[in-house]
Amino acid sequence: MTTATAGNRPGADPELKPYLRLLTATQFAFNTGFYAVLPYLAAHLGDGLGMAGWLVGLVLGLRTFSQQGLFVVGGALTDRYGPRPVVLTGCVLRIAGFCWLAQAGSTATVIGAVLLIGFAAALFSPAVESETARTAVTYETETGTPRAQVLAVFSAAGQAGAFLGPLLGSLLLLLGGGFRTACLAGALVFVGVLAGHARLMPRRPRRVRTAEAGGVLPRQVFANRPFLVLCLVYSSYLVSYNQLYLALPVEVERATGSQSALGGLFALSSLLVVAQLPLTRWSARRITPRTALVAGLAVVAAGFAAVPLAPAGPAGLLPGAALVVLLTLGQMLLVPAARGLVPDLVDDQRLGLATGALSSVSGLAVLVGSAATGTLLDTPGPVLWAVLAAVPLAGAGLALTLSPGQRTPEPGTTVTDYK
């Protein structure tokens, strides 16, 4: 049971606000610096360095693996040593990686720089995300502000950075700076992040391992059925969301004869970020986290189901736009809810590991799911989109087996009917 009174309202605790602002600004800066470089990496490798297409794909795949696949390592280190040293180390490695990539001219040096950049994120992101979740729970307890609302601000900041980063990179390229300048600009962003965290991130005592908490694969996380179910549910979302980059381009080309409209559809997705906070605020007050997960996945499935209805000609972009809108709205509903559930499913001492595991398991699912989707791209449209719609629907079915979780009552009310 959670009670919110007139004296327990959002904004009542000024001490946590600066730290939450730091974490949110961190996510914004992280994505700004990262996406100032990443969208132009493939062109740099192919056109600038003359790498073959298969080698470009290998380098990009290694970057994804060194980041997403190793999130679980960064999470475990966060639990062991606290977020501060892990975040600072990640910043230093990211700066070194970008500077190295700016100078790299051979296959071996490029691969080394890319692996370093990915591993830096594998340290940095789980530490920041788990610390944000932990702080959001504390903030919810002390002020009544829903944790999902705090996590939505964090997510929106990341989306804003992902939107601004490519614009920054494009500007640098248009000004004649080239890929090297974009890399150095990204490194400079992380110098600022490093300085801010070195000054403002609190020091915490080093955790002492206990017999129960020890081990490489602690039972509290990897034998935790509800958490593993949440991982599968979240994986179904990420596999679906990845279709923006895999199946949507194929559909846009089928409908219009080219992929030139993709940029506009991606911009539409970024602009929808303005709906993130009102939608999350409503869902946190009105529905349980489990309902938000189910509803979000159902909205995503509806987006896939709409695509085969595409009419011929220019209007064929309408189903693609509907897919982008519904995928983005579904993401807004379910991501804060999923991340807000993690602290309720695992012990606080394993929150970093669990946060990393959530991303690593989902990343593996995306790898397998992308390969499977690739084999279906040449099948008739209705078959392809029906299969894709089944993925989030299966995730929604799994989500129904989770505990409902708690919705946050309006200030001045008491809510007991969470079941």
Protein backbone atom coordinates (compact mmCIF):
# COMPACT_ATOMS: atom_id res chain seq x y z
CA MET A 1 0.00 0.00 0.00
CA THR A 2 1.28 3.46 -0.88
CA THR A 3 -0.07 6.62 0.65
CA ALA A 4 0.42 10.13 -0.67
CA THR A 5 -0.69 13.03 1.48
CA ALA A 6 -0.78 16.77 1.05
CA GLY A 7 2.63 16.98 2.68
CA ASN A 8 4.09 14.27 0.45
CA ARG A 9 3.91 15.79 -3.01
CA PRO A 10 6.15 15.82 -6.05
CA GLY A 11 8.88 18.40 -5.62
CA ALA A 12 8.81 18.27 -1.80
CA ASP A 13 12.39 16.98 -1.47
CA PRO A 14 14.92 19.50 -2.83
CA GLU A 15 17.97 17.38 -1.94
CA LEU A 16 17.38 14.70 -4.56
CA LYS A 17 16.56 17.09 -7.38
CA PRO A 18 20.14 18.13 -8.27
CA TYR A 19 21.29 14.50 -8.39
CA LEU A 20 18.36 13.47 -10.60
CA ARG A 21 19.12 16.43 -12.84
CA LEU A 22 22.75 15.29 -13.06
CA LEU A 23 21.75 11.77 -14.06
CA THR A 24 19.24 13.05 -16.61
CA ALA A 25 21.73 15.52 -18.09
CA THR A 26 24.22 12.65 -18.23
CA GLN A 27 21.90 10.60 -20.44
CA PHE A 28 21.34 13.58 -22.71
CA ALA A 29 25.07 14.30 -23.04
CA PHE A 30 25.90 10.61 -23.49
CA ASN A 31 23.57 10.22 -26.46
CA THR A 32 24.53 13.60 -27.94
CA GLY A 33 28.22 12.68 -28.01
CA PHE A 34 27.57 9.13 -29.14
CA TYR A 35 25.19 9.94 -31.98
CA ALA A 36 27.39 12.78 -33.23
CA VAL A 37 29.72 9.98 -34.38
CA LEU A 38 27.83 6.68 -34.82
CA PRO A 39 25.58 7.56 -37.82
CA TYR A 40 28.65 8.48 -39.87
CA LEU A 41 30.88 5.58 -38.86
CA ALA A 42 29.80 3.20 -41.63
CA ALA A 43 30.39 5.84 -44.35
CA HIS A 44 33.78 6.66 -42.85
CA LEU A 45 34.83 3.02 -42.81
CA GLY A 46 33.62 2.33 -46.35
CA ASP A 47 34.33 5.59 -48.19
CA GLY A 48 37.07 7.07 -46.03
CA LEU A 49 39.09 3.95 -45.24
CA GLY A 50 38.00 1.77 -48.18
CA MET A 51 36.80 -1.20 -46.13
CA ALA A 52 34.75 -3.89 -47.82
CA GLY A 53 31.05 -4.04 -46.98
CA TRP A 54 31.35 -7.27 -44.99
CA LEU A 55 34.17 -5.76 -42.91
CA VAL A 56 32.12 -2.64 -42.19
CA GLY A 57 29.31 -4.89 -40.97
CA LEU A 58 31.73 -6.86 -38.81
CA VAL A 59 33.09 -3.70 -37.18
CA LEU A 60 29.60 -2.40 -36.45
CA GLY A 61 28.58 -5.79 -35.05
CA LEU A 62 31.64 -5.88 -32.79
CA ARG A 63 30.72 -2.44 -31.47
CA THR A 64 27.21 -3.61 -30.62
CA PHE A 65 28.49 -6.78 -28.94
CA SER A 66 31.16 -4.97 -26.89
CA GLN A 67 28.45 -2.61 -25.64
CA GLN A 68 25.10 -4.34 -25.31
CA GLY A 69 26.48 -7.82 -24.70
CA LEU A 70 28.74 -6.64 -21.86
CA PHE A 71 26.18 -4.53 -20.02
CA VAL A 72 25.93 -7.33 -17.49
CA VAL A 73 29.64 -6.85 -16.69
CA GLY A 74 29.19 -3.13 -16.11
CA GLY A 75 26.18 -3.81 -13.92
CA ALA A 76 28.07 -6.35 -11.79
CA LEU A 77 30.98 -3.93 -11.34
CA THR A 78 28.52 -1.22 -10.30
CA ASP A 79 27.13 -3.47 -7.58
CA ARG A 80 30.63 -4.29 -6.38
CA TYR A 81 32.29 -0.88 -6.43
CA GLY A 82 29.42 1.60 -6.60
CA PRO A 83 28.40 3.77 -9.57
CA ARG A 84 30.98 6.55 -9.24
CA PRO A 85 34.20 4.68 -10.16
CA VAL A 86 32.43 2.73 -12.91
CA VAL A 87 30.96 5.88 -14.48
CA LEU A 88 34.26 7.75 -14.29
CA THR A 89 36.14 4.81 -15.81
CA GLY A 90 33.57 4.56 -18.58
CA CYS A 91 33.98 8.27 -19.36
CA VAL A 92 37.77 7.98 -19.53
CA LEU A 93 37.56 4.94 -21.83
CA ARG A 94 34.99 6.64 -24.08
CA ILE A 95 37.22 9.73 -24.41
CA ALA A 96 40.22 7.53 -25.22
CA GLY A 97 38.16 5.49 -27.70
CA PHE A 98 36.89 8.51 -29.62
CA CYS A 99 40.38 10.06 -29.77
CA TRP A 100 41.78 6.72 -30.97
CA LEU A 101 39.05 6.35 -33.60
CA ALA A 102 39.79 9.85 -34.89
CA GLN A 103 43.35 8.75 -35.65
CA ALA A 104 42.75 5.09 -36.61
CA GLY A 105 43.67 4.26 -40.19
CA SER A 106 43.99 0.46 -40.27
CA THR A 107 41.51 -2.33 -39.70
CA ALA A 108 43.18 -3.42 -36.46
CA THR A 109 43.26 0.08 -34.96
CA VAL A 110 39.66 0.79 -35.99
CA ILE A 111 38.48 -2.46 -34.39
CA GLY A 112 40.44 -1.68 -31.22
CA ALA A 113 38.96 1.82 -30.98
CA VAL A 114 35.43 0.60 -31.65
CA LEU A 115 35.70 -2.16 -29.02
CA LEU A 116 36.97 0.38 -26.49
CA ILE A 117 34.08 2.74 -27.26
CA GLY A 118 31.56 -0.09 -26.87
CA PHE A 119 33.07 -1.37 -23.62
CA ALA A 120 33.05 2.17 -22.22
CA ALA A 121 29.28 2.27 -22.73
CA ALA A 122 28.95 -1.19 -21.18
CA LEU A 123 30.46 0.32 -18.02
CA PHE A 124 28.81 3.70 -18.14
CA SER A 125 25.20 2.96 -19.06
CA PRO A 126 24.28 0.23 -16.51
CA ALA A 127 25.83 2.32 -13.73
CA VAL A 128 23.84 5.43 -14.65
CA GLU A 129 20.61 3.53 -15.39
CA SER A 130 20.67 1.50 -12.16
CA GLU A 131 21.51 4.59 -10.12
CA THR A 132 18.65 6.46 -11.77
CA ALA A 133 16.23 3.61 -10.98
CA ARG A 134 17.45 3.44 -7.37
CA THR A 135 17.15 7.22 -6.92
CA ALA A 136 13.73 7.26 -8.60
CA VAL A 137 12.43 4.71 -6.08
CA THR A 138 13.74 6.82 -3.19
CA TYR A 139 12.25 9.95 -4.73
CA GLU A 140 8.89 8.20 -5.15
CA THR A 141 8.88 7.15 -1.50
CA GLU A 142 9.75 10.59 -0.17
CA THR A 143 7.77 12.85 -2.51
CA GLY A 144 5.02 10.76 -4.12
CA THR A 145 6.38 11.42 -7.62
CA PRO A 146 5.97 8.15 -9.59
CA ARG A 147 9.26 6.43 -10.36
CA ALA A 148 8.02 5.88 -13.92
CA GLN A 149 7.68 9.64 -14.30
CA VAL A 150 11.30 10.17 -13.26
CA LEU A 151 12.44 7.38 -15.56
CA ALA A 152 10.40 8.92 -18.39
CA VAL A 153 12.32 12.20 -17.99
CA PHE A 154 15.53 10.18 -18.14
CA SER A 155 14.34 8.38 -21.28
CA ALA A 156 13.18 11.61 -22.92
CA ALA A 157 16.57 13.19 -22.28
CA GLY A 158 18.23 10.24 -24.03
CA GLN A 159 15.89 10.57 -27.01
CA ALA A 160 16.60 14.30 -27.22
CA GLY A 161 20.33 13.56 -27.24
CA ALA A 162 19.85 10.93 -29.96
CA PHE A 163 18.04 13.58 -32.02
CA LEU A 164 20.56 16.37 -31.43
CA GLY A 165 23.70 14.22 -31.82
CA PRO A 166 23.33 13.49 -35.57
CA LEU A 167 22.54 17.16 -36.18
CA LEU A 168 25.77 18.11 -34.41
CA GLY A 169 27.71 15.55 -36.45
CA SER A 170 26.11 16.76 -39.69
CA LEU A 171 26.96 20.36 -38.86
CA LEU A 172 30.59 19.48 -38.24
CA LEU A 173 30.76 17.55 -41.51
CA LEU A 174 29.12 20.40 -43.44
CA LEU A 175 31.63 22.84 -41.99
CA GLY A 176 34.39 20.71 -43.44
CA GLY A 177 35.62 19.25 -40.19
CA GLY A 178 35.26 15.66 -41.35
CA PHE A 179 34.80 12.49 -39.35
CA ARG A 180 37.89 13.17 -37.22
CA THR A 181 36.40 16.44 -35.98
CA ALA A 182 33.12 14.68 -35.12
CA CYS A 183 35.06 12.11 -33.06
CA LEU A 184 36.95 14.83 -31.19
CA ALA A 185 33.69 16.71 -30.56
CA GLY A 186 32.21 13.53 -29.11
CA ALA A 187 35.28 13.13 -26.90
CA LEU A 188 34.90 16.73 -25.74
CA VAL A 189 31.30 16.06 -24.68
CA PHE A 190 32.53 13.20 -22.51
CA VAL A 191 35.23 15.37 -21.00
CA GLY A 192 32.38 17.56 -19.74
CA VAL A 193 30.46 14.51 -18.46
CA LEU A 194 33.61 13.26 -16.69
CA ALA A 195 34.20 16.63 -15.03
CA GLY A 196 30.59 16.92 -13.90
CA HIS A 197 30.51 13.46 -12.34
CA ALA A 198 33.92 13.76 -10.74
CA ARG A 199 32.65 16.87 -8.96
CA LEU A 200 28.99 16.02 -8.25
CA MET A 201 28.56 12.25 -8.06
CA PRO A 202 28.61 11.15 -4.41
CA ARG A 203 31.14 8.68 -3.08
CA ARG A 204 29.65 5.56 -1.57
CA PRO A 205 31.19 2.93 0.66
CA ARG A 206 32.52 -0.11 -1.12
CA ARG A 207 30.12 -3.02 -0.85
CA VAL A 208 31.20 -6.08 1.09
CA ARG A 209 30.34 -9.41 -0.51
CA THR A 210 28.46 -11.97 1.52
CA ALA A 211 28.33 -15.69 0.91
CA GLU A 212 24.84 -15.37 -0.54
CA ALA A 213 25.64 -12.34 -2.65
CA GLY A 214 28.87 -13.74 -4.10
CA GLY A 215 29.40 -15.62 -7.28
CA VAL A 216 29.55 -14.72 -10.92
CA LEU A 217 25.91 -15.62 -11.58
CA PRO A 218 24.07 -14.78 -8.34
CA ARG A 219 20.92 -16.78 -7.78
CA GLN A 220 18.98 -13.67 -6.78
CA VAL A 221 19.09 -12.50 -10.39
CA PHE A 222 19.56 -15.45 -12.74
CA ALA A 223 17.26 -17.87 -10.91
CA ASN A 224 14.67 -15.16 -10.34
CA ARG A 225 11.72 -16.24 -12.46
CA PRO A 226 9.79 -12.93 -12.42
CA PHE A 227 12.93 -11.03 -13.43
CA LEU A 228 13.67 -13.47 -16.24
CA VAL A 229 10.09 -13.10 -17.46
CA LEU A 230 10.57 -9.32 -17.44
CA CYS A 231 13.74 -9.82 -19.52
CA LEU A 232 11.76 -11.81 -22.09
CA VAL A 233 8.99 -9.22 -22.14
CA TYR A 234 11.51 -6.43 -22.63
CA SER A 235 13.24 -8.48 -25.31
CA SER A 236 10.01 -8.73 -27.28
CA TYR A 237 9.84 -4.93 -27.24
CA LEU A 238 13.45 -4.44 -28.36
CA VAL A 239 13.12 -7.00 -31.16
CA SER A 240 10.03 -5.10 -32.31
CA TYR A 241 11.62 -1.67 -32.00
CA ASN A 242 14.63 -2.81 -34.02
CA GLN A 243 12.30 -3.23 -37.01
CA LEU A 244 12.49 0.54 -37.47
CA TYR A 245 15.96 -0.12 -38.85
CA LEU A 246 15.37 -3.48 -40.52
CA ALA A 247 11.83 -4.05 -41.80
CA LEU A 248 10.61 -0.45 -42.08
CA PRO A 249 13.22 0.57 -44.71
CA VAL A 250 12.19 -2.41 -46.86
CA GLU A 251 8.53 -1.45 -46.54
CA VAL A 252 9.17 2.21 -47.37
CA GLU A 253 11.09 1.20 -50.49
CA ARG A 254 8.28 -1.18 -51.48
CA ALA A 255 5.68 1.56 -51.07
CA THR A 256 7.53 4.49 -52.64
CA GLY A 257 10.34 3.02 -54.71
CA SER A 258 13.11 4.49 -52.54
CA GLN A 259 14.17 4.95 -48.93
CA SER A 260 14.36 8.75 -49.11
CA ALA A 261 11.33 9.14 -46.83
CA LEU A 262 13.01 7.30 -43.95
CA GLY A 263 14.62 10.45 -42.61
CA GLY A 264 11.23 12.09 -42.21
CA LEU A 265 9.81 9.06 -40.43
CA PHE A 266 12.72 8.95 -37.99
CA ALA A 267 12.34 12.69 -37.35
CA LEU A 268 8.65 12.04 -36.62
CA SER A 269 9.67 9.45 -34.01
CA SER A 270 12.05 11.93 -32.37
CA LEU A 271 9.46 14.72 -32.33
CA LEU A 272 6.98 12.49 -30.51
CA VAL A 273 9.20 12.80 -27.43
CA VAL A 274 7.01 15.77 -26.41
CA ALA A 275 4.27 13.24 -25.53
CA GLN A 276 6.55 11.19 -23.26
CA LEU A 277 6.02 13.00 -19.96
CA PRO A 278 2.22 13.55 -20.14
CA LEU A 279 1.65 9.95 -21.24
CA THR A 280 3.90 8.50 -18.53
CA ARG A 281 2.40 10.76 -15.87
CA TRP A 282 -1.07 9.55 -16.81
CA SER A 283 -0.11 5.87 -16.90
CA ALA A 284 1.76 6.02 -13.60
CA ARG A 285 -1.31 7.45 -11.86
CA ARG A 286 -4.01 5.43 -13.60
CA ILE A 287 -2.68 1.95 -14.35
CA THR A 288 -0.29 -0.57 -12.83
CA PRO A 289 3.15 -1.21 -14.36
CA ARG A 290 1.99 -4.61 -15.63
CA THR A 291 -0.94 -2.99 -17.43
CA ALA A 292 1.43 -0.41 -18.92
CA LEU A 293 3.63 -3.24 -20.24
CA VAL A 294 0.68 -5.10 -21.77
CA ALA A 295 -0.87 -1.96 -23.24
CA GLY A 296 2.46 -0.76 -24.66
CA LEU A 297 3.14 -4.08 -26.37
CA ALA A 298 -0.43 -4.20 -27.71
CA VAL A 299 0.05 -0.73 -29.21
CA VAL A 300 3.31 -1.91 -30.84
CA ALA A 301 1.50 -4.96 -32.27
CA ALA A 302 -1.22 -2.70 -33.66
CA GLY A 303 1.46 -0.71 -35.47
CA PHE A 304 2.73 -3.84 -37.23
CA ALA A 305 -0.81 -4.96 -38.04
CA ALA A 306 -1.50 -1.63 -39.77
CA VAL A 307 1.32 -1.95 -42.31
CA PRO A 308 -0.29 -4.53 -44.68
CA LEU A 309 -3.18 -2.10 -45.15
CA ALA A 310 -0.89 0.16 -47.21
CA PRO A 311 -2.60 1.62 -50.30
CA ALA A 312 -0.64 2.06 -53.52
CA GLY A 313 1.18 5.27 -54.42
CA PRO A 314 2.41 8.10 -52.15
CA ALA A 315 -0.25 7.29 -49.58
CA GLY A 316 1.69 4.08 -48.98
CA LEU A 317 3.74 6.06 -46.45
CA LEU A 318 0.73 6.35 -44.15
CA PRO A 319 1.02 2.82 -42.67
CA GLY A 320 4.76 3.38 -42.20
CA ALA A 321 4.00 6.59 -40.34
CA ALA A 322 1.36 4.78 -38.28
CA LEU A 323 3.95 2.13 -37.40
CA VAL A 324 6.44 4.77 -36.27
CA VAL A 325 3.84 6.58 -34.17
CA LEU A 326 2.45 3.45 -32.52
CA LEU A 327 5.90 1.95 -31.91
CA THR A 328 7.04 5.17 -30.26
CA LEU A 329 3.89 5.49 -28.15
CA GLY A 330 4.19 1.86 -27.08
CA GLN A 331 7.81 2.49 -26.12
CA MET A 332 6.75 5.47 -23.99
CA LEU A 333 4.26 3.33 -22.09
CA LEU A 334 6.32 0.23 -21.48
CA VAL A 335 9.98 1.28 -21.07
CA PRO A 336 9.56 3.38 -17.89
CA ALA A 337 7.25 0.70 -16.49
CA ALA A 338 9.72 -2.11 -17.22
CA ARG A 339 12.70 -0.27 -15.75
CA GLY A 340 10.62 0.81 -12.78
CA LEU A 341 9.77 -2.84 -12.02
CA VAL A 342 13.40 -3.98 -11.79
CA PRO A 343 14.00 -2.58 -8.27
CA ASP A 344 10.91 -4.47 -7.07
CA LEU A 345 12.08 -7.81 -8.49
CA VAL A 346 15.73 -7.95 -7.35
CA ASP A 347 17.69 -7.16 -4.25
CA ASP A 348 19.06 -3.61 -4.09
CA GLN A 349 22.63 -4.95 -3.93
CA ARG A 350 22.11 -6.59 -7.33
CA LEU A 351 20.30 -3.73 -9.04
CA GLY A 352 23.27 -2.88 -11.28
CA LEU A 353 23.69 -6.48 -12.39
CA ALA A 354 19.97 -6.80 -13.05
CA THR A 355 19.90 -3.57 -15.06
CA GLY A 356 22.82 -4.79 -17.15
CA ALA A 357 21.31 -8.25 -17.56
CA LEU A 358 18.04 -6.73 -18.80
CA SER A 359 19.93 -5.01 -21.62
CA SER A 360 22.28 -7.92 -22.38
CA VAL A 361 19.50 -10.52 -22.63
CA SER A 362 17.50 -8.15 -24.81
CA GLY A 363 20.54 -7.45 -26.99
CA LEU A 364 21.01 -11.17 -27.57
CA ALA A 365 17.34 -11.48 -28.47
CA VAL A 366 17.70 -8.63 -30.98
CA LEU A 367 20.68 -10.41 -32.56
CA VAL A 368 18.68 -13.63 -32.99
CA GLY A 369 15.48 -11.81 -33.91
CA SER A 370 17.19 -9.69 -36.54
CA ALA A 371 18.63 -12.77 -38.21
CA ALA A 372 15.19 -14.39 -38.22
CA THR A 373 13.52 -11.26 -39.58
CA GLY A 374 16.12 -11.03 -42.31
CA THR A 375 15.02 -14.40 -43.65
CA LEU A 376 11.42 -13.16 -43.80
CA LEU A 377 11.97 -9.86 -45.62
CA ASP A 378 11.28 -11.44 -49.02
CA THR A 379 8.05 -13.10 -47.93
CA PRO A 380 4.67 -11.54 -48.79
CA GLY A 381 3.98 -8.41 -46.74
CA PRO A 382 0.97 -9.74 -44.80
CA VAL A 383 2.97 -12.78 -43.67
CA LEU A 384 5.96 -10.69 -42.58
CA TRP A 385 3.94 -8.16 -40.62
CA ALA A 386 1.71 -10.81 -39.05
CA VAL A 387 4.81 -12.60 -37.72
CA LEU A 388 6.25 -9.31 -36.44
CA ALA A 389 2.94 -8.45 -34.73
CA ALA A 390 2.98 -11.82 -32.99
CA VAL A 391 6.25 -10.98 -31.21
CA PRO A 392 4.93 -8.12 -29.03
CA LEU A 393 1.66 -9.99 -28.54
CA ALA A 394 3.64 -12.93 -27.11
CA GLY A 395 5.46 -10.46 -24.87
CA ALA A 396 2.15 -9.05 -23.69
CA GLY A 397 0.99 -12.57 -22.82
CA LEU A 398 4.15 -13.13 -20.76
CA ALA A 399 3.69 -9.78 -19.04
CA LEU A 400 0.31 -10.92 -17.75
CA THR A 401 2.12 -13.50 -15.59
CA LEU A 402 4.02 -10.77 -13.70
CA SER A 403 2.86 -9.18 -10.47
CA PRO A 404 0.83 -6.05 -11.26
CA GLY A 405 3.13 -3.74 -9.33
CA GLN A 406 1.91 -0.54 -7.78
CA ARG A 407 0.47 2.48 -9.47
CA THR A 408 1.14 5.77 -7.72
CA PRO A 409 -1.94 7.41 -6.21
CA GLU A 410 -2.80 11.03 -6.64
CA PRO A 411 -1.62 13.29 -3.79
CA GLY A 412 -4.07 13.16 -0.92
CA THR A 413 -5.34 9.66 -1.70
CA THR A 414 -4.65 6.13 -0.57
CA VAL A 415 -4.63 3.23 -3.00
CA THR A 416 -4.89 -0.35 -1.80
CA ASP A 417 -6.43 -2.15 -4.76
CA TYR A 418 -3.19 -2.95 -6.61
CA LYS A 419 -4.14 -6.55 -7.26
